[in-house]
PDB file of N, CA and C in Angstrom:
ATOM      1  N   UNK A   1      12.879  -8.543  15.385  1.00  0.00           N
ATOM      2  CA  UNK A   1      13.650  -7.658  14.365  1.00  0.00           C
ATOM      3  C   UNK A   1      13.469  -6.300  14.495  1.00  0.00           C
ATOM      4  N   UNK A   2      14.054  -5.468  14.484  1.00  0.00           N
ATOM      5  CA  UNK A   2      13.523  -4.024  14.444  1.00  0.00           C
ATOM      6  C   UNK A   2      13.851  -3.562  12.962  1.00  0.00           C
ATOM      7  N   UNK A   3      12.630  -2.770  12.308  1.00  0.00           N
ATOM      8  CA  UNK A   3      13.093  -2.306  11.030  1.00  0.00           C
ATOM      9  C   UNK A   3      13.120  -0.736  10.885  1.00  0.00           C
ATOM     10  N   UNK A   4      13.989  -0.197  10.087  1.00  0.00           N
ATOM     11  CA  UNK A   4      14.201   1.074  10.028  1.00  0.00           C
ATOM     12  C   UNK A   4      12.936   1.793   9.385  1.00  0.00           C
ATOM     13  N   UNK A   5      12.267   1.152   8.534  1.00  0.00           N
ATOM     14  CA  UNK A   5      11.141   1.508   7.577  1.00  0.00           C
ATOM     15  C   UNK A   5      10.099   0.509   8.102  1.00  0.00           C
ATOM     16  N   UNK A   6       8.854   1.072   8.364  1.00  0.00           N
ATOM     17  CA  UNK A   6       7.983   0.209   8.751  1.00  0.00           C
ATOM     18  C   UNK A   6       6.759   0.587   7.598  1.00  0.00           C
ATOM     19  N   UNK A   7       5.769  -0.450   7.355  1.00  0.00           N
ATOM     20  CA  UNK A   7       4.738  -0.585   6.534  1.00  0.00           C
ATOM     21  C   UNK A   7       4.231   0.681   6.405  1.00  0.00           C
ATOM     22  N   UNK A   8       3.735   1.255   7.931  1.00  0.00           N
ATOM     23  CA  UNK A   8       2.810   2.441   8.048  1.00  0.00           C
ATOM     24  C   UNK A   8       3.465   3.840   7.515  1.00  0.00           C
ATOM     25  N   UNK A   9       5.025   3.514   7.625  1.00  0.00           N
ATOM     26  CA  UNK A   9       5.814   4.603   6.922  1.00  0.00           C
ATOM     27  C   UNK A   9       5.585   4.854   5.622  1.00  0.00           C
ATOM     28  N   UNK A  10       5.193   3.815   4.710  1.00  0.00           N
ATOM     29  CA  UNK A  10       5.148   3.978   3.401  1.00  0.00           C
ATOM     30  C   UNK A  10       3.758   3.841   2.770  1.00  0.00           C
ATOM     31  N   UNK A  11       2.784   3.337   3.506  1.00  0.00           N
ATOM     32  CA  UNK A  11       1.300   3.011   2.967  1.00  0.00           C
ATOM     33  C   UNK A  11       0.738   4.531   2.758  1.00  0.00           C
ATOM     34  N   UNK A  12       0.177   4.509   1.801  1.00  0.00           N
ATOM     35  CA  UNK A  12      -0.757   5.846   1.588  1.00  0.00           C
ATOM     36  C   UNK A  12      -2.083   5.301   1.428  1.00  0.00           C
ATOM     37  N   UNK A  13      -2.926   6.050   2.079  1.00  0.00           N
ATOM     38  CA  UNK A  13      -4.366   5.720   2.151  1.00  0.00           C
ATOM     39  C   UNK A  13      -5.214   7.073   1.462  1.00  0.00           C
ATOM     40  N   UNK A  14      -6.012   6.830   0.567  1.00  0.00           N
ATOM     41  CA  UNK A  14      -6.805   7.799  -0.092  1.00  0.00           C
ATOM     42  C   UNK A  14      -8.144   7.780   0.517  1.00  0.00           C
ATOM     43  N   UNK A  15      -8.759   8.965   0.595  1.00  0.00           N
ATOM     44  CA  UNK A  15     -10.207   9.041   1.082  1.00  0.00           C
ATOM     45  C   UNK A  15     -10.874   8.688  -0.385  1.00  0.00           C
ATOM     46  N   UNK A  16     -12.135   8.449  -0.393  1.00  0.00           N
ATOM     47  CA  UNK A  16     -12.977   8.223  -1.654  1.00  0.00           C
ATOM     48  C   UNK A  16     -12.821   9.393  -2.346  1.00  0.00           C
ATOM     49  N   UNK A  17     -12.935  10.708  -1.636  1.00  0.00           N
ATOM     50  CA  UNK A  17     -13.078  11.883  -2.416  1.00  0.00           C
ATOM     51  C   UNK A  17     -11.691  12.095  -3.222  1.00  0.00           C
ATOM     52  N   UNK A  18     -10.766  11.910  -2.584  1.00  0.00           N
ATOM     53  CA  UNK A  18      -9.091  11.945  -2.772  1.00  0.00           C
ATOM     54  C   UNK A  18      -8.922  11.071  -4.253  1.00  0.00           C
ATOM     55  N   UNK A  19      -9.447   9.795  -4.008  1.00  0.00           N
ATOM     56  CA  UNK A  19      -9.278   8.715  -4.775  1.00  0.00           C
ATOM     57  C   UNK A  19      -9.958   9.089  -6.267  1.00  0.00           C
ATOM     58  N   UNK A  20     -11.168   9.787  -5.984  1.00  0.00           N
ATOM     59  CA  UNK A  20     -12.020  10.059  -7.402  1.00  0.00           C
ATOM     60  C   UNK A  20     -11.611  11.276  -8.128  1.00  0.00           C
ATOM     61  N   UNK A  21     -10.403  12.036  -7.465  1.00  0.00           N
ATOM     62  CA  UNK A  21      -9.628  12.936  -8.325  1.00  0.00           C
ATOM     63  C   UNK A  21      -8.508  12.311  -8.895  1.00  0.00           C
ATOM     64  N   UNK A  22      -8.156  11.153  -8.718  1.00  0.00           N
ATOM     65  CA  UNK A  22      -6.904  10.572  -9.437  1.00  0.00           C
ATOM     66  C   UNK A  22      -7.462  10.314 -10.833  1.00  0.00           C
ATOM     67  N   UNK A  23      -6.656  10.460 -11.895  1.00  0.00           N
ATOM     68  CA  UNK A  23      -6.735   9.912 -13.091  1.00  0.00           C
ATOM     69  C   UNK A  23      -6.567   8.448 -13.266  1.00  0.00           C
ATOM     70  N   UNK A  24      -6.916   7.797 -14.410  1.00  0.00           N
ATOM     71  CA  UNK A  24      -6.429   6.253 -14.395  1.00  0.00           C
ATOM     72  C   UNK A  24      -5.197   6.012 -14.408  1.00  0.00           C
ATOM     73  N   UNK A  25      -4.175   6.835 -14.867  1.00  0.00           N
ATOM     74  CA  UNK A  25      -2.839   6.684 -15.065  1.00  0.00           C
ATOM     75  C   UNK A  25      -2.191   6.738 -13.498  1.00  0.00           C
ATOM     76  N   UNK A  26      -2.711   7.460 -12.803  1.00  0.00           N
ATOM     77  CA  UNK A  26      -2.281   7.768 -11.290  1.00  0.00           C
ATOM     78  C   UNK A  26      -2.805   6.724 -10.482  1.00  0.00           C
ATOM     79  N   UNK A  27      -3.905   6.231 -10.614  1.00  0.00           N
ATOM     80  CA  UNK A  27      -4.608   5.000 -10.000  1.00  0.00           C
ATOM     81  C   UNK A  27      -3.833   3.746 -10.270  1.00  0.00           C
ATOM     82  N   UNK A  28      -2.993   3.703 -11.351  1.00  0.00           N
ATOM     83  CA  UNK A  28      -2.203   2.533 -11.848  1.00  0.00           C
ATOM     84  C   UNK A  28      -0.759   2.711 -11.303  1.00  0.00           C
ATOM     85  N   UNK A  29      -0.524   3.791 -11.218  1.00  0.00           N
ATOM     86  CA  UNK A  29       1.043   4.135 -10.657  1.00  0.00           C
ATOM     87  C   UNK A  29       0.709   3.833  -9.151  1.00  0.00           C
ATOM     88  N   UNK A  30      -0.276   4.134  -8.564  1.00  0.00           N
ATOM     89  CA  UNK A  30      -0.421   3.892  -7.117  1.00  0.00           C
ATOM     90  C   UNK A  30      -0.302   2.351  -6.654  1.00  0.00           C
ATOM     91  N   UNK A  31      -1.093   1.727  -7.583  1.00  0.00           N
ATOM     92  CA  UNK A  31      -1.205   0.163  -7.385  1.00  0.00           C
ATOM     93  C   UNK A  31       0.456  -0.311  -7.535  1.00  0.00           C
ATOM     94  N   UNK A  32       1.074  -0.221  -8.669  1.00  0.00           N
ATOM     95  CA  UNK A  32       2.292  -0.433  -8.774  1.00  0.00           C
ATOM     96  C   UNK A  32       3.244  -0.196  -7.864  1.00  0.00           C
ATOM     97  N   UNK A  33       3.589   1.528  -7.246  1.00  0.00           N
ATOM     98  CA  UNK A  33       4.149   1.633  -6.227  1.00  0.00           C
ATOM     99  C   UNK A  33       3.939   0.552  -5.160  1.00  0.00           C
ATOM    100  N   UNK A  34       2.752   0.563  -4.673  1.00  0.00           N
ATOM    101  CA  UNK A  34       2.419  -0.170  -3.617  1.00  0.00           C
ATOM    102  C   UNK A  34       2.698  -1.470  -3.618  1.00  0.00           C
ATOM    103  N   UNK A  35       2.449  -2.368  -4.896  1.00  0.00           N
ATOM    104  CA  UNK A  35       3.009  -3.527  -5.024  1.00  0.00           C
ATOM    105  C   UNK A  35       4.702  -3.733  -4.883  1.00  0.00           C
ATOM    106  N   UNK A  36       5.437  -2.770  -5.286  1.00  0.00           N
ATOM    107  CA  UNK A  36       6.701  -2.694  -5.294  1.00  0.00           C
ATOM    108  C   UNK A  36       6.958  -2.574  -3.679  1.00  0.00           C
ATOM    109  N   UNK A  37       6.317  -1.791  -3.151  1.00  0.00           N
ATOM    110  CA  UNK A  37       6.824  -1.444  -1.710  1.00  0.00           C
ATOM    111  C   UNK A  37       6.439  -2.991  -0.909  1.00  0.00           C
ATOM    112  N   UNK A  38       5.289  -3.551  -1.202  1.00  0.00           N
ATOM    113  CA  UNK A  38       5.268  -4.854  -0.381  1.00  0.00           C
ATOM    114  C   UNK A  38       6.498  -5.895  -0.728  1.00  0.00           C
ATOM    115  N   UNK A  39       6.946  -5.886  -2.212  1.00  0.00           N
ATOM    116  CA  UNK A  39       8.046  -6.831  -2.322  1.00  0.00           C
ATOM    117  C   UNK A  39       9.123  -6.506  -1.830  1.00  0.00           C
ATOM    118  N   UNK A  40       9.588  -5.184  -1.907  1.00  0.00           N
ATOM    119  CA  UNK A  40      10.753  -4.693  -1.243  1.00  0.00           C
ATOM    120  C   UNK A  40      10.856  -4.870   0.246  1.00  0.00           C
ATOM    121  N   UNK A  41       9.753  -4.516   0.980  1.00  0.00           N
ATOM    122  CA  UNK A  41       9.648  -5.083   2.296  1.00  0.00           C
ATOM    123  C   UNK A  41       9.884  -6.345   2.635  1.00  0.00           C
ATOM    124  N   UNK A  42       9.059  -7.070   1.875  1.00  0.00           N
ATOM    125  CA  UNK A  42       9.265  -8.817   2.144  1.00  0.00           C
ATOM    126  C   UNK A  42      10.530  -9.261   1.801  1.00  0.00           C
ATOM    127  N   UNK A  43      11.465  -8.581   1.002  1.00  0.00           N
ATOM    128  CA  UNK A  43      12.734  -8.962   0.508  1.00  0.00           C
ATOM    129  C   UNK A  43      13.581  -8.821   1.675  1.00  0.00           C
ATOM    130  N   UNK A  44      13.225  -7.567   2.646  1.00  0.00           N
ATOM    131  CA  UNK A  44      14.222  -7.363   3.500  1.00  0.00           C
ATOM    132  C   UNK A  44      13.627  -8.279   4.845  1.00  0.00           C
ATOM    133  N   UNK A  45      12.788  -9.142   4.719  1.00  0.00           N
ATOM    134  CA  UNK A  45      12.374  -9.716   5.777  1.00  0.00           C
ATOM    135  C   UNK A  45      11.199  -9.264   6.763  1.00  0.00           C
ATOM    136  N   UNK A  46      10.783  -8.300   6.093  1.00  0.00           N
ATOM    137  CA  UNK A  46       9.637  -7.629   6.737  1.00  0.00           C
ATOM    138  C   UNK A  46       8.305  -8.833   6.864  1.00  0.00           C
ATOM    139  N   UNK A  47       7.847  -9.088   8.246  1.00  0.00           N
ATOM    140  CA  UNK A  47       6.848 -10.021   8.670  1.00  0.00           C
ATOM    141  C   UNK A  47       5.604  -9.286   8.490  1.00  0.00           C
ATOM    142  N   UNK A  48       4.904  -9.744   7.459  1.00  0.00           N
ATOM    143  CA  UNK A  48       3.476  -9.288   7.145  1.00  0.00           C
ATOM    144  C   UNK A  48       2.423  -9.825   8.582  1.00  0.00           C
ATOM    145  N   UNK A  49       2.604 -10.977   9.023  1.00  0.00           N
ATOM    146  CA  UNK A  49       1.910 -11.519   9.972  1.00  0.00           C
ATOM    147  C   UNK A  49       1.734 -10.537  11.180  1.00  0.00           C
ATOM    148  N   UNK A  50       2.724  -9.184  11.195  1.00  0.00           N
ATOM    149  CA  UNK A  50       3.029  -8.343  12.231  1.00  0.00           C
ATOM    150  C   UNK A  50       1.816  -7.467  11.975  1.00  0.00           C
ATOM    151  N   UNK A  51       1.361  -7.196  10.830  1.00  0.00           N
ATOM    152  CA  UNK A  51       0.126  -6.289  10.573  1.00  0.00           C
ATOM    153  C   UNK A  51      -0.705  -7.041   9.651  1.00  0.00           C
ATOM    154  N   UNK A  52      -2.021  -6.579   9.422  1.00  0.00           N
ATOM    155  CA  UNK A  52      -3.176  -7.313   9.131  1.00  0.00           C
ATOM    156  C   UNK A  52      -2.963  -6.592   7.236  1.00  0.00           C
ATOM    157  N   UNK A  53      -2.195  -7.354   6.868  1.00  0.00           N
ATOM    158  CA  UNK A  53      -1.872  -6.931   5.429  1.00  0.00           C
ATOM    159  C   UNK A  53      -3.113  -7.082   4.506  1.00  0.00           C
ATOM    160  N   UNK A  54      -3.980  -8.132   4.589  1.00  0.00           N
ATOM    161  CA  UNK A  54      -5.414  -8.135   4.200  1.00  0.00           C
ATOM    162  C   UNK A  54      -6.377  -7.108   4.268  1.00  0.00           C
ATOM    163  N   UNK A  55      -6.459  -6.342   5.481  1.00  0.00           N
ATOM    164  CA  UNK A  55      -7.041  -5.226   5.422  1.00  0.00           C
ATOM    165  C   UNK A  55      -6.575  -4.010   4.767  1.00  0.00           C
ATOM    166  N   UNK A  56      -5.179  -3.903   4.766  1.00  0.00           N
ATOM    167  CA  UNK A  56      -4.491  -2.740   4.058  1.00  0.00           C
ATOM    168  C   UNK A  56      -4.988  -2.954   2.565  1.00  0.00           C
ATOM    169  N   UNK A  57      -4.668  -4.139   2.263  1.00  0.00           N
ATOM    170  CA  UNK A  57      -4.997  -4.286   0.565  1.00  0.00           C
ATOM    171  C   UNK A  57      -6.349  -4.273   0.252  1.00  0.00           C
ATOM    172  N   UNK A  58      -7.222  -4.753   1.113  1.00  0.00           N
ATOM    173  CA  UNK A  58      -8.654  -4.296   0.843  1.00  0.00           C
ATOM    174  C   UNK A  58      -9.206  -2.830   0.905  1.00  0.00           C
ATOM    175  N   UNK A  59      -8.557  -2.049   1.749  1.00  0.00           N
ATOM    176  CA  UNK A  59      -8.648  -0.542   1.991  1.00  0.00           C
ATOM    177  C   UNK A  59      -8.240   0.086   0.667  1.00  0.00           C
ATOM    178  N   UNK A  60      -6.853  -0.329   0.296  1.00  0.00           N
ATOM    179  CA  UNK A  60      -6.465   0.180  -1.079  1.00  0.00           C
ATOM    180  C   UNK A  60      -7.446  -0.169  -2.156  1.00  0.00           C
ATOM    181  N   UNK A  61      -7.886  -1.540  -2.390  1.00  0.00           N
ATOM    182  CA  UNK A  61      -8.580  -1.977  -3.230  1.00  0.00           C
ATOM    183  C   UNK A  61      -9.818  -1.342  -3.328  1.00  0.00           C
ATOM    184  N   UNK A  62     -10.434  -0.879  -2.442  1.00  0.00           N
ATOM    185  CA  UNK A  62     -12.018  -0.215  -2.022  1.00  0.00           C
ATOM    186  C   UNK A  62     -12.120   0.781  -3.083  1.00  0.00           C
ATOM    187  N   UNK A  63     -10.984   1.491  -3.106  1.00  0.00           N
ATOM    188  CA  UNK A  63     -11.488   2.933  -4.014  1.00  0.00           C
ATOM    189  C   UNK A  63     -10.805   2.655  -5.458  1.00  0.00           C
ATOM    190  N   UNK A  64     -10.398   1.550  -5.599  1.00  0.00           N
ATOM    191  CA  UNK A  64     -10.033   1.321  -7.413  1.00  0.00           C
ATOM    192  C   UNK A  64     -11.309   1.078  -8.208  1.00  0.00           C
ATOM    193  N   UNK A  65     -11.391   1.807  -8.959  1.00  0.00           N
ATOM    194  CA  UNK A  65     -12.465   1.943 -10.013  1.00  0.00           C
ATOM    195  C   UNK A  65     -12.327   2.432 -11.431  1.00  0.00           C
TER     196      UNK A  65
END
């Protein structure tokens, strides 16, 4: 199955410096938006085994403080 939107199209990755500039509410918003994105892609049948989702999640979590 081919998708019009891919995970890489919607994933946002921050450097440590960029993440440090976000305030707590922006960090929460980022988490909420990414979780919604995962749910939406799953709802349309996106197959996560096609990507290393654990690595993406870990990279996203790395900067949560």
